[in-house]
Amino acid sequence: MYEVDKETSEKIDYSSTICRCTSLKYDEFDKIELDEKDPEGNVTEEESEESEKLVDSLSLAGQQLKVLHNVDEIVAWKHRLAKLDLSSNLLSTLPGSISVLTNLKVLDVSRNNLSGLPESISHCRSLEEFDASFNELKFLPNNFGHGLVHLKRLSINLNKIACLPASIREMVSLTYMDVHFNELHGLPYSIGELKNLEVLNLSSNFNHLTTIPDTIGELSNLRELDISNNQIRVLPSTISQLVNITKLNLDQNPLVTPPAHISAKGIEAVMNFMKSRYVNNSAAAKRVCAAKNDERGPSEWHQALLR
């Protein structure tokens, strides 16, 4: 195991080594053979162009790294890098220059000491998988979802996150989101815009998570929902609109709606109960609207329509 500080990092000629491989691990640096024609490791322009097409993966996992001073120090061909593994280190921050990795598809920063993420991460527009689990995150940048339209998997479990930004609505390709074991106090209404979401884990936010927004019912492709180990008393009736749901975990919640004897019967009983409430609530809402309309005179109603 190595501890790489800034001084050591500056001594490593990353560009002359990384350019010779397509998938590289940190402990393989010293195994790279230099070109016999140039023992100092310099590369020609033709070699650079060729290697730029090949390099796609870099692993710096488990190296006790405390700081990344600049992404340019890590990899020369940053615009070609598709996968970067920084997991199991001692990182407390990520450099803002992470934004130069415009073709990065997989980023793993799990099992570090990260207390925050740079706003510039939203510029990694090709990102498809992002794992920031097992850290000390208390929040996500307000612009976190901006630009991440290709993101499919988001793992931010085992942190201290209190809320998710409304900008998550822009992660329109998201199919998997794991937020379990955080300190969520609620969810943004914009979560309903994640139409491709299939798996959502909100379990074990314990005393912090007490409600679920009505917009949860707009997740038309959701198959698995885990909200166990929270303090939720009432499920929104719109949950009955999750027509593709196959797994629903409600364990360890002080549920009143649906009542315990319904929850104990399983997902089908729960969905039927909530559907009945949804229909009743919709009918009641229509009656209220009709009553309010009847109270208005013809001209007042006409004016309201024009607003």
C-alpha atoms as a PDB file:
ATOM      1  CA  MET A   1       0.000   0.000   0.000  1.00  0.00           C
ATOM      2  CA  TYR A   2       1.220   3.506  -0.795  1.00  0.00           C
ATOM      3  CA  GLU A   3       0.448   6.978   0.508  1.00  0.00           C
ATOM      4  CA  VAL A   4       0.797   9.365  -2.396  1.00  0.00           C
ATOM      5  CA  ASP A   5       1.274  13.013  -1.449  1.00  0.00           C
ATOM      6  CA  LYS A   6       1.709  15.973  -3.763  1.00  0.00           C
ATOM      7  CA  GLU A   7       5.513  15.700  -3.827  1.00  0.00           C
ATOM      8  CA  THR A   8       5.398  12.050  -4.841  1.00  0.00           C
ATOM      9  CA  SER A   9       2.666  12.696  -7.368  1.00  0.00           C
ATOM     10  CA  GLU A  10       4.768  15.353  -9.079  1.00  0.00           C
ATOM     11  CA  LYS A  11       7.632  12.891  -9.488  1.00  0.00           C
ATOM     12  CA  ILE A  12       5.538  10.339 -11.348  1.00  0.00           C
ATOM     13  CA  ASP A  13       5.445  10.779 -15.101  1.00  0.00           C
ATOM     14  CA  TYR A  14       1.820   9.728 -15.536  1.00  0.00           C
ATOM     15  CA  SER A  15       1.636  10.697 -19.187  1.00  0.00           C
ATOM     16  CA  SER A  16       4.540   8.484 -20.261  1.00  0.00           C
ATOM     17  CA  THR A  17       3.108   5.433 -18.532  1.00  0.00           C
ATOM     18  CA  ILE A  18      -0.622   5.691 -18.919  1.00  0.00           C
ATOM     19  CA  CYS A  19      -0.337   6.220 -22.652  1.00  0.00           C
ATOM     20  CA  ARG A  20       0.885   2.640 -23.053  1.00  0.00           C
ATOM     21  CA  CYS A  21      -2.101   0.837 -21.591  1.00  0.00           C
ATOM     22  CA  THR A  22      -5.853   0.583 -21.910  1.00  0.00           C
ATOM     23  CA  SER A  23      -6.685  -0.378 -18.322  1.00  0.00           C
ATOM     24  CA  LEU A  24      -4.329   0.580 -15.545  1.00  0.00           C
ATOM     25  CA  LYS A  25      -4.067  -0.015 -11.801  1.00  0.00           C
ATOM     26  CA  TYR A  26      -1.911   2.127  -9.539  1.00  0.00           C
ATOM     27  CA  ASP A  27       0.372  -0.717  -8.512  1.00  0.00           C
ATOM     28  CA  GLU A  28       1.094  -1.453 -12.177  1.00  0.00           C
ATOM     29  CA  PHE A  29       2.936   1.839 -12.736  1.00  0.00           C
ATOM     30  CA  ASP A  30       6.333   0.269 -11.999  1.00  0.00           C
ATOM     31  CA  LYS A  31       5.637  -2.694 -14.298  1.00  0.00           C
ATOM     32  CA  ILE A  32       5.333  -0.629 -17.465  1.00  0.00           C
ATOM     33  CA  GLU A  33       8.192  -1.155 -19.897  1.00  0.00           C
ATOM     34  CA  LEU A  34       9.646   1.947 -21.516  1.00  0.00           C
ATOM     35  CA  ASP A  35      10.101   2.103 -25.274  1.00  0.00           C
ATOM     36  CA  GLU A  36      13.564   0.830 -26.178  1.00  0.00           C
ATOM     37  CA  LYS A  37      13.943   3.677 -28.675  1.00  0.00           C
ATOM     38  CA  ASP A  38      13.396   6.212 -25.918  1.00  0.00           C
ATOM     39  CA  PRO A  39      14.331   4.897 -22.459  1.00  0.00           C
ATOM     40  CA  GLU A  40      13.195   8.138 -20.832  1.00  0.00           C
ATOM     41  CA  GLY A  41       9.634   7.306 -21.687  1.00  0.00           C
ATOM     42  CA  ASN A  42       8.964  10.130 -24.131  1.00  0.00           C
ATOM     43  CA  VAL A  43       6.404   9.379 -26.811  1.00  0.00           C
ATOM     44  CA  THR A  44       6.079  10.585 -30.350  1.00  0.00           C
ATOM     45  CA  GLU A  45       3.066  12.500 -31.609  1.00  0.00           C
ATOM     46  CA  GLU A  46       1.886   9.387 -33.480  1.00  0.00           C
ATOM     47  CA  GLU A  47       2.153   7.266 -30.315  1.00  0.00           C
ATOM     48  CA  SER A  48       0.238   9.879 -28.371  1.00  0.00           C
ATOM     49  CA  GLU A  49      -2.585   9.926 -30.888  1.00  0.00           C
ATOM     50  CA  GLU A  50      -2.775   6.129 -30.916  1.00  0.00           C
ATOM     51  CA  SER A  51      -2.722   5.778 -27.121  1.00  0.00           C
ATOM     52  CA  GLU A  52      -5.363   8.463 -26.781  1.00  0.00           C
ATOM     53  CA  LYS A  53      -7.702   6.148 -28.651  1.00  0.00           C
ATOM     54  CA  LEU A  54      -6.943   3.217 -26.335  1.00  0.00           C
ATOM     55  CA  VAL A  55      -6.842   4.478 -22.755  1.00  0.00           C
ATOM     56  CA  ASP A  56     -10.234   3.978 -21.119  1.00  0.00           C
ATOM     57  CA  SER A  57      -9.803   2.812 -17.519  1.00  0.00           C
ATOM     58  CA  LEU A  58      -7.775   3.851 -14.494  1.00  0.00           C
ATOM     59  CA  SER A  59      -7.900   2.368 -10.993  1.00  0.00           C
ATOM     60  CA  LEU A  60      -6.366   4.146  -8.002  1.00  0.00           C
ATOM     61  CA  ALA A  61      -8.439   2.164  -5.508  1.00  0.00           C
ATOM     62  CA  GLY A  62      -7.092   1.336  -2.058  1.00  0.00           C
ATOM     63  CA  GLN A  63      -3.928   3.432  -2.235  1.00  0.00           C
ATOM     64  CA  GLN A  64      -4.522   5.577   0.891  1.00  0.00           C
ATOM     65  CA  LEU A  65      -4.682   8.696  -1.261  1.00  0.00           C
ATOM     66  CA  LYS A  66      -5.496  11.782   0.796  1.00  0.00           C
ATOM     67  CA  VAL A  67      -5.536  14.413  -1.933  1.00  0.00           C
ATOM     68  CA  LEU A  68      -5.996  14.670  -5.670  1.00  0.00           C
ATOM     69  CA  HIS A  69      -4.408  17.986  -6.513  1.00  0.00           C
ATOM     70  CA  ASN A  70      -5.502  17.998 -10.120  1.00  0.00           C
ATOM     71  CA  VAL A  71      -7.035  15.461 -12.462  1.00  0.00           C
ATOM     72  CA  ASP A  72      -4.369  16.384 -15.027  1.00  0.00           C
ATOM     73  CA  GLU A  73      -1.824  14.793 -12.684  1.00  0.00           C
ATOM     74  CA  ILE A  74      -3.693  11.506 -12.743  1.00  0.00           C
ATOM     75  CA  VAL A  75      -4.160  10.849 -16.417  1.00  0.00           C
ATOM     76  CA  ALA A  76      -2.764  12.450 -19.524  1.00  0.00           C
ATOM     77  CA  TRP A  77      -5.529  11.357 -21.867  1.00  0.00           C
ATOM     78  CA  LYS A  78      -8.355  12.680 -19.703  1.00  0.00           C
ATOM     79  CA  HIS A  79     -10.724  13.252 -22.599  1.00  0.00           C
ATOM     80  CA  ARG A  80     -10.709   9.517 -23.427  1.00  0.00           C
ATOM     81  CA  LEU A  81     -11.021   8.108 -19.914  1.00  0.00           C
ATOM     82  CA  ALA A  82     -14.271   6.155 -19.508  1.00  0.00           C
ATOM     83  CA  LYS A  83     -13.814   4.630 -16.035  1.00  0.00           C
ATOM     84  CA  LEU A  84     -12.101   6.023 -12.937  1.00  0.00           C
ATOM     85  CA  ASP A  85     -11.950   4.088  -9.662  1.00  0.00           C
ATOM     86  CA  LEU A  86     -10.913   6.120  -6.614  1.00  0.00           C
ATOM     87  CA  SER A  87     -12.642   3.905  -4.062  1.00  0.00           C
ATOM     88  CA  SER A  88     -11.246   2.908  -0.665  1.00  0.00           C
ATOM     89  CA  ASN A  89      -8.934   5.866  -0.145  1.00  0.00           C
ATOM     90  CA  LEU A  90      -8.762   8.747   2.347  1.00  0.00           C
ATOM     91  CA  LEU A  91     -10.019  11.523   0.101  1.00  0.00           C
ATOM     92  CA  SER A  92     -11.918  14.349   1.792  1.00  0.00           C
ATOM     93  CA  THR A  93     -12.517  16.349  -1.391  1.00  0.00           C
ATOM     94  CA  LEU A  94     -12.491  15.969  -5.146  1.00  0.00           C
ATOM     95  CA  PRO A  95     -10.818  18.625  -7.297  1.00  0.00           C
ATOM     96  CA  GLY A  96     -13.016  20.915  -9.368  1.00  0.00           C
ATOM     97  CA  SER A  97     -10.961  19.825 -12.362  1.00  0.00           C
ATOM     98  CA  ILE A  98     -12.937  16.564 -12.351  1.00  0.00           C
ATOM     99  CA  SER A  99     -15.017  18.432 -14.919  1.00  0.00           C
ATOM    100  CA  VAL A 100     -12.389  17.824 -17.612  1.00  0.00           C
ATOM    101  CA  LEU A 101     -13.392  14.145 -17.715  1.00  0.00           C
ATOM    102  CA  THR A 102     -16.060  14.819 -20.295  1.00  0.00           C
ATOM    103  CA  ASN A 103     -16.161  11.233 -21.585  1.00  0.00           C
ATOM    104  CA  LEU A 104     -16.161   9.540 -18.191  1.00  0.00           C
ATOM    105  CA  LYS A 105     -18.925   6.939 -17.914  1.00  0.00           C
ATOM    106  CA  VAL A 106     -18.148   5.279 -14.572  1.00  0.00           C
ATOM    107  CA  LEU A 107     -16.897   7.097 -11.469  1.00  0.00           C
ATOM    108  CA  ASP A 108     -16.385   5.257  -8.174  1.00  0.00           C
ATOM    109  CA  VAL A 109     -15.446   7.378  -5.152  1.00  0.00           C
ATOM    110  CA  SER A 110     -16.999   5.080  -2.560  1.00  0.00           C
ATOM    111  CA  ARG A 111     -15.374   4.360   0.820  1.00  0.00           C
ATOM    112  CA  ASN A 112     -13.580   7.669   1.277  1.00  0.00           C
ATOM    113  CA  ASN A 113     -14.009  10.613   3.664  1.00  0.00           C
ATOM    114  CA  LEU A 114     -15.763  12.941   1.244  1.00  0.00           C
ATOM    115  CA  SER A 115     -17.795  15.647   2.962  1.00  0.00           C
ATOM    116  CA  GLY A 116     -18.959  17.250  -0.268  1.00  0.00           C
ATOM    117  CA  LEU A 117     -18.830  17.065  -4.048  1.00  0.00           C
ATOM    118  CA  PRO A 118     -17.696  19.821  -6.424  1.00  0.00           C
ATOM    119  CA  GLU A 119     -20.415  21.517  -8.468  1.00  0.00           C
ATOM    120  CA  SER A 120     -18.266  20.906 -11.524  1.00  0.00           C
ATOM    121  CA  ILE A 121     -19.138  17.207 -11.401  1.00  0.00           C
ATOM    122  CA  SER A 122     -22.239  18.123 -13.386  1.00  0.00           C
ATOM    123  CA  HIS A 123     -19.919  18.746 -16.341  1.00  0.00           C
ATOM    124  CA  CYS A 124     -19.123  15.023 -16.533  1.00  0.00           C
ATOM    125  CA  ARG A 125     -21.977  14.799 -18.999  1.00  0.00           C
ATOM    126  CA  SER A 126     -21.237  11.270 -20.208  1.00  0.00           C
ATOM    127  CA  LEU A 127     -21.485   9.778 -16.721  1.00  0.00           C
ATOM    128  CA  GLU A 128     -23.661   6.641 -16.542  1.00  0.00           C
ATOM    129  CA  GLU A 129     -22.701   5.221 -13.127  1.00  0.00           C
ATOM    130  CA  PHE A 130     -21.726   7.173 -10.025  1.00  0.00           C
ATOM    131  CA  ASP A 131     -20.937   5.547  -6.679  1.00  0.00           C
ATOM    132  CA  ALA A 132     -20.300   7.857  -3.714  1.00  0.00           C
ATOM    133  CA  SER A 133     -21.465   5.459  -1.003  1.00  0.00           C
ATOM    134  CA  PHE A 134     -19.697   5.051   2.375  1.00  0.00           C
ATOM    135  CA  ASN A 135     -18.624   8.692   2.741  1.00  0.00           C
ATOM    136  CA  GLU A 136     -19.430  11.692   4.961  1.00  0.00           C
ATOM    137  CA  LEU A 137     -21.631  13.580   2.488  1.00  0.00           C
ATOM    138  CA  LYS A 138     -24.179  15.870   4.129  1.00  0.00           C
ATOM    139  CA  PHE A 139     -25.591  17.319   0.934  1.00  0.00           C
ATOM    140  CA  LEU A 140     -25.343  17.221  -2.840  1.00  0.00           C
ATOM    141  CA  PRO A 141     -24.596  20.317  -4.938  1.00  0.00           C
ATOM    142  CA  ASN A 142     -27.738  22.258  -5.879  1.00  0.00           C
ATOM    143  CA  ASN A 143     -26.904  21.727  -9.544  1.00  0.00           C
ATOM    144  CA  PHE A 144     -26.141  18.033  -9.106  1.00  0.00           C
ATOM    145  CA  GLY A 145     -28.572  16.810 -11.749  1.00  0.00           C
ATOM    146  CA  HIS A 146     -27.715  19.453 -14.342  1.00  0.00           C
ATOM    147  CA  GLY A 147     -26.071  17.859 -17.340  1.00  0.00           C
ATOM    148  CA  LEU A 148     -26.200  14.297 -15.990  1.00  0.00           C
ATOM    149  CA  VAL A 149     -28.845  13.245 -18.482  1.00  0.00           C
ATOM    150  CA  HIS A 150     -27.105   9.921 -19.199  1.00  0.00           C
ATOM    151  CA  LEU A 151     -26.724   8.832 -15.570  1.00  0.00           C
ATOM    152  CA  LYS A 152     -28.360   5.425 -15.016  1.00  0.00           C
ATOM    153  CA  ARG A 153     -27.098   4.313 -11.593  1.00  0.00           C
ATOM    154  CA  LEU A 154     -26.645   6.528  -8.536  1.00  0.00           C
ATOM    155  CA  SER A 155     -25.381   5.086  -5.236  1.00  0.00           C
ATOM    156  CA  ILE A 156     -25.148   7.606  -2.402  1.00  0.00           C
ATOM    157  CA  ASN A 157     -26.058   5.253   0.435  1.00  0.00           C
ATOM    158  CA  LEU A 158     -24.324   5.278   3.834  1.00  0.00           C
ATOM    159  CA  ASN A 159     -23.778   9.024   4.065  1.00  0.00           C
ATOM    160  CA  LYS A 160     -25.378  11.828   6.106  1.00  0.00           C
ATOM    161  CA  ILE A 161     -27.409  13.460   3.357  1.00  0.00           C
ATOM    162  CA  ALA A 162     -30.397  15.417   4.674  1.00  0.00           C
ATOM    163  CA  CYS A 163     -32.063  16.358   1.391  1.00  0.00           C
ATOM    164  CA  LEU A 164     -31.859  15.825  -2.343  1.00  0.00           C
ATOM    165  CA  PRO A 165     -31.778  18.845  -4.664  1.00  0.00           C
ATOM    166  CA  ALA A 166     -34.728  19.496  -6.978  1.00  0.00           C
ATOM    167  CA  SER A 167     -32.272  19.304  -9.878  1.00  0.00           C
ATOM    168  CA  ILE A 168     -32.347  15.504  -9.714  1.00  0.00           C
ATOM    169  CA  ARG A 169     -35.288  15.845 -12.105  1.00  0.00           C
ATOM    170  CA  GLU A 170     -32.773  16.276 -14.909  1.00  0.00           C
ATOM    171  CA  MET A 171     -31.325  12.792 -14.491  1.00  0.00           C
ATOM    172  CA  VAL A 172     -33.924  11.497 -16.917  1.00  0.00           C
ATOM    173  CA  SER A 173     -32.053   8.255 -17.723  1.00  0.00           C
ATOM    174  CA  LEU A 174     -31.782   7.157 -14.091  1.00  0.00           C
ATOM    175  CA  THR A 175     -32.963   3.577 -13.501  1.00  0.00           C
ATOM    176  CA  TYR A 176     -31.391   2.865 -10.091  1.00  0.00           C
ATOM    177  CA  MET A 177     -31.041   5.105  -7.038  1.00  0.00           C
ATOM    178  CA  ASP A 178     -29.846   3.963  -3.615  1.00  0.00           C
ATOM    179  CA  VAL A 179     -30.141   6.521  -0.794  1.00  0.00           C
ATOM    180  CA  HIS A 180     -30.453   4.147   2.158  1.00  0.00           C
ATOM    181  CA  PHE A 181     -28.739   4.858   5.495  1.00  0.00           C
ATOM    182  CA  ASN A 182     -28.736   8.637   5.269  1.00  0.00           C
ATOM    183  CA  GLU A 183     -30.534  11.364   7.206  1.00  0.00           C
ATOM    184  CA  LEU A 184     -33.174  12.292   4.628  1.00  0.00           C
ATOM    185  CA  HIS A 185     -35.892  14.578   5.944  1.00  0.00           C
ATOM    186  CA  GLY A 186     -37.949  14.255   2.793  1.00  0.00           C
ATOM    187  CA  LEU A 187     -37.877  14.023  -0.981  1.00  0.00           C
ATOM    188  CA  PRO A 188     -38.271  16.785  -3.565  1.00  0.00           C
ATOM    189  CA  TYR A 189     -41.516  16.766  -5.532  1.00  0.00           C
ATOM    190  CA  SER A 190     -39.390  16.686  -8.666  1.00  0.00           C
ATOM    191  CA  ILE A 191     -38.576  13.029  -7.987  1.00  0.00           C
ATOM    192  CA  GLY A 192     -41.723  12.184  -9.925  1.00  0.00           C
ATOM    193  CA  GLU A 193     -40.000  13.282 -13.130  1.00  0.00           C
ATOM    194  CA  LEU A 194     -37.605  10.339 -13.059  1.00  0.00           C
ATOM    195  CA  LYS A 195     -39.814   8.362 -15.412  1.00  0.00           C
ATOM    196  CA  ASN A 196     -37.220   5.650 -16.111  1.00  0.00           C
ATOM    197  CA  LEU A 197     -36.480   4.874 -12.468  1.00  0.00           C
ATOM    198  CA  GLU A 198     -36.903   1.158 -11.728  1.00  0.00           C
ATOM    199  CA  VAL A 199     -35.289   0.696  -8.301  1.00  0.00           C
ATOM    200  CA  LEU A 200     -35.489   3.179  -5.414  1.00  0.00           C
ATOM    201  CA  ASN A 201     -34.040   2.411  -1.974  1.00  0.00           C
ATOM    202  CA  LEU A 202     -34.958   4.920   0.746  1.00  0.00           C
ATOM    203  CA  SER A 203     -34.620   2.528   3.670  1.00  0.00           C
ATOM    204  CA  SER A 204     -32.995   3.229   7.035  1.00  0.00           C
ATOM    205  CA  ASN A 205     -33.252   6.991   7.193  1.00  0.00           C
ATOM    206  CA  PHE A 206     -34.817   6.239  10.577  1.00  0.00           C
ATOM    207  CA  ASN A 207     -36.335   9.168  12.510  1.00  0.00           C
ATOM    208  CA  HIS A 208     -35.649  11.643   9.757  1.00  0.00           C
ATOM    209  CA  LEU A 209     -37.897  10.420   6.940  1.00  0.00           C
ATOM    210  CA  THR A 210     -41.570  10.826   7.856  1.00  0.00           C
ATOM    211  CA  THR A 211     -43.345  11.508   4.553  1.00  0.00           C
ATOM    212  CA  ILE A 212     -43.290  10.538   0.902  1.00  0.00           C
ATOM    213  CA  PRO A 213     -44.474  13.070  -1.716  1.00  0.00           C
ATOM    214  CA  ASP A 214     -47.554  12.385  -3.850  1.00  0.00           C
ATOM    215  CA  THR A 215     -45.379  12.560  -6.962  1.00  0.00           C
ATOM    216  CA  ILE A 216     -43.954   9.135  -6.089  1.00  0.00           C
ATOM    217  CA  GLY A 217     -46.934   7.764  -8.012  1.00  0.00           C
ATOM    218  CA  GLU A 218     -45.590   9.275 -11.236  1.00  0.00           C
ATOM    219  CA  LEU A 219     -42.678   6.833 -11.340  1.00  0.00           C
ATOM    220  CA  SER A 220     -44.441   4.700 -13.917  1.00  0.00           C
ATOM    221  CA  ASN A 221     -41.535   2.263 -14.433  1.00  0.00           C
ATOM    222  CA  LEU A 222     -40.721   1.675 -10.770  1.00  0.00           C
ATOM    223  CA  ARG A 223     -40.387  -2.044  -9.956  1.00  0.00           C
ATOM    224  CA  GLU A 224     -38.782  -2.000  -6.505  1.00  0.00           C
ATOM    225  CA  LEU A 225     -39.389   0.442  -3.657  1.00  0.00           C
ATOM    226  CA  ASP A 226     -37.822   0.047  -0.218  1.00  0.00           C
ATOM    227  CA  ILE A 227     -38.903   2.523   2.467  1.00  0.00           C
ATOM    228  CA  SER A 228     -38.326   0.249   5.463  1.00  0.00           C
ATOM    229  CA  ASN A 229     -36.874   1.476   8.771  1.00  0.00           C
ATOM    230  CA  ASN A 230     -38.258   5.000   8.659  1.00  0.00           C
ATOM    231  CA  GLN A 231     -40.971   6.951  10.487  1.00  0.00           C
ATOM    232  CA  ILE A 232     -43.605   7.018   7.740  1.00  0.00           C
ATOM    233  CA  ARG A 233     -47.177   6.975   9.035  1.00  0.00           C
ATOM    234  CA  VAL A 234     -49.146   7.568   5.854  1.00  0.00           C
ATOM    235  CA  LEU A 235     -48.433   6.429   2.318  1.00  0.00           C
ATOM    236  CA  PRO A 236     -49.741   8.742  -0.398  1.00  0.00           C
ATOM    237  CA  SER A 237     -52.693   7.201  -2.227  1.00  0.00           C
ATOM    238  CA  THR A 238     -50.874   7.883  -5.506  1.00  0.00           C
ATOM    239  CA  ILE A 239     -48.603   4.956  -4.721  1.00  0.00           C
ATOM    240  CA  SER A 240     -51.389   2.838  -6.198  1.00  0.00           C
ATOM    241  CA  GLN A 241     -50.389   4.221  -9.616  1.00  0.00           C
ATOM    242  CA  LEU A 242     -47.136   2.267  -9.575  1.00  0.00           C
ATOM    243  CA  VAL A 243     -48.495  -0.337 -11.957  1.00  0.00           C
ATOM    244  CA  ASN A 244     -45.140  -2.087 -12.506  1.00  0.00           C
ATOM    245  CA  ILE A 245     -44.210  -2.483  -8.845  1.00  0.00           C
ATOM    246  CA  THR A 246     -43.162  -6.021  -7.861  1.00  0.00           C
ATOM    247  CA  LYS A 247     -41.310  -5.391  -4.575  1.00  0.00           C
ATOM    248  CA  LEU A 248     -42.489  -3.053  -1.839  1.00  0.00           C
ATOM    249  CA  ASN A 249     -40.823  -3.065   1.575  1.00  0.00           C
ATOM    250  CA  LEU A 250     -42.711  -1.142   4.278  1.00  0.00           C
ATOM    251  CA  ASP A 251     -41.218  -2.894   7.315  1.00  0.00           C
ATOM    252  CA  GLN A 252     -40.406  -1.014  10.519  1.00  0.00           C
ATOM    253  CA  ASN A 253     -42.598   2.037   9.940  1.00  0.00           C
ATOM    254  CA  PRO A 254     -45.385   3.255  12.289  1.00  0.00           C
ATOM    255  CA  LEU A 255     -47.888   2.991   9.437  1.00  0.00           C
ATOM    256  CA  VAL A 256     -51.474   4.050   9.932  1.00  0.00           C
ATOM    257  CA  THR A 257     -52.296   4.131   6.233  1.00  0.00           C
ATOM    258  CA  PRO A 258     -52.318   1.393   5.171  1.00  0.00           C
ATOM    259  CA  PRO A 259     -53.031  -0.219   8.551  1.00  0.00           C
ATOM    260  CA  ALA A 260     -50.815  -2.990   9.851  1.00  0.00           C
ATOM    261  CA  HIS A 261     -53.262  -5.797   9.084  1.00  0.00           C
ATOM    262  CA  ILE A 262     -53.295  -4.742   5.418  1.00  0.00           C
ATOM    263  CA  SER A 263     -49.521  -4.375   5.192  1.00  0.00           C
ATOM    264  CA  ALA A 264     -49.121  -7.847   6.678  1.00  0.00           C
ATOM    265  CA  LYS A 265     -51.004  -9.358   3.735  1.00  0.00           C
ATOM    266  CA  GLY A 266     -48.427  -8.283   1.204  1.00  0.00           C
ATOM    267  CA  ILE A 267     -48.001  -6.027  -1.772  1.00  0.00           C
ATOM    268  CA  GLU A 268     -51.234  -6.930  -3.577  1.00  0.00           C
ATOM    269  CA  ALA A 269     -53.377  -6.133  -0.538  1.00  0.00           C
ATOM    270  CA  VAL A 270     -51.520  -2.866   0.027  1.00  0.00           C
ATOM    271  CA  MET A 271     -51.919  -1.750  -3.578  1.00  0.00           C
ATOM    272  CA  ASN A 272     -55.626  -2.608  -3.625  1.00  0.00           C
ATOM    273  CA  PHE A 273     -56.169  -0.682  -0.395  1.00  0.00           C
ATOM    274  CA  MET A 274     -54.278   2.353  -1.671  1.00  0.00           C
ATOM    275  CA  LYS A 275     -56.089   2.220  -5.008  1.00  0.00           C
ATOM    276  CA  SER A 276     -59.408   2.380  -3.196  1.00  0.00           C
ATOM    277  CA  ARG A 277     -58.200   5.442  -1.283  1.00  0.00           C
ATOM    278  CA  TYR A 278     -56.935   7.009  -4.496  1.00  0.00           C
ATOM    279  CA  VAL A 279     -60.315   6.616  -6.191  1.00  0.00           C
ATOM    280  CA  ASN A 280     -62.128   7.977  -3.138  1.00  0.00           C
ATOM    281  CA  ASN A 281     -59.742  10.919  -2.831  1.00  0.00           C
ATOM    282  CA  SER A 282     -60.111  11.746  -6.516  1.00  0.00           C
ATOM    283  CA  ALA A 283     -63.900  11.677  -6.281  1.00  0.00           C
ATOM    284  CA  ALA A 284     -63.810  13.878  -3.176  1.00  0.00           C
ATOM    285  CA  ALA A 285     -61.501  16.361  -4.887  1.00  0.00           C
ATOM    286  CA  LYS A 286     -63.861  16.609  -7.856  1.00  0.00           C
ATOM    287  CA  ARG A 287     -66.783  17.292  -5.551  1.00  0.00           C
ATOM    288  CA  VAL A 288     -64.867  20.068  -3.805  1.00  0.00           C
ATOM    289  CA  CYS A 289     -63.961  21.661  -7.122  1.00  0.00           C
ATOM    290  CA  ALA A 290     -67.546  21.427  -8.339  1.00  0.00           C
ATOM    291  CA  ALA A 291     -68.823  23.016  -5.124  1.00  0.00           C
ATOM    292  CA  LYS A 292     -66.386  25.896  -5.446  1.00  0.00           C
ATOM    293  CA  ASN A 293     -67.378  26.422  -9.058  1.00  0.00           C
ATOM    294  CA  ASP A 294     -71.068  26.503  -8.172  1.00  0.00           C
ATOM    295  CA  GLU A 295     -70.409  29.233  -5.623  1.00  0.00           C
ATOM    296  CA  ARG A 296     -69.140  31.549  -8.321  1.00  0.00           C
ATOM    297  CA  GLY A 297     -71.327  33.590 -10.599  1.00  0.00           C
ATOM    298  CA  PRO A 298     -71.097  33.057 -14.371  1.00  0.00           C
ATOM    299  CA  SER A 299     -68.899  36.125 -14.914  1.00  0.00           C
ATOM    300  CA  GLU A 300     -66.580  35.209 -11.982  1.00  0.00           C
ATOM    301  CA  TRP A 301     -66.143  31.700 -13.335  1.00  0.00           C
ATOM    302  CA  HIS A 302     -65.415  33.072 -16.778  1.00  0.00           C
ATOM    303  CA  GLN A 303     -62.773  35.410 -15.336  1.00  0.00           C
ATOM    304  CA  ALA A 304     -61.159  32.499 -13.487  1.00  0.00           C
ATOM    305  CA  LEU A 305     -60.829  30.534 -16.710  1.00  0.00           C
ATOM    306  CA  LEU A 306     -59.023  33.434 -18.318  1.00  0.00           C
ATOM    307  CA  ARG A 307     -56.406  33.736 -15.549  1.00  0.00           C
END
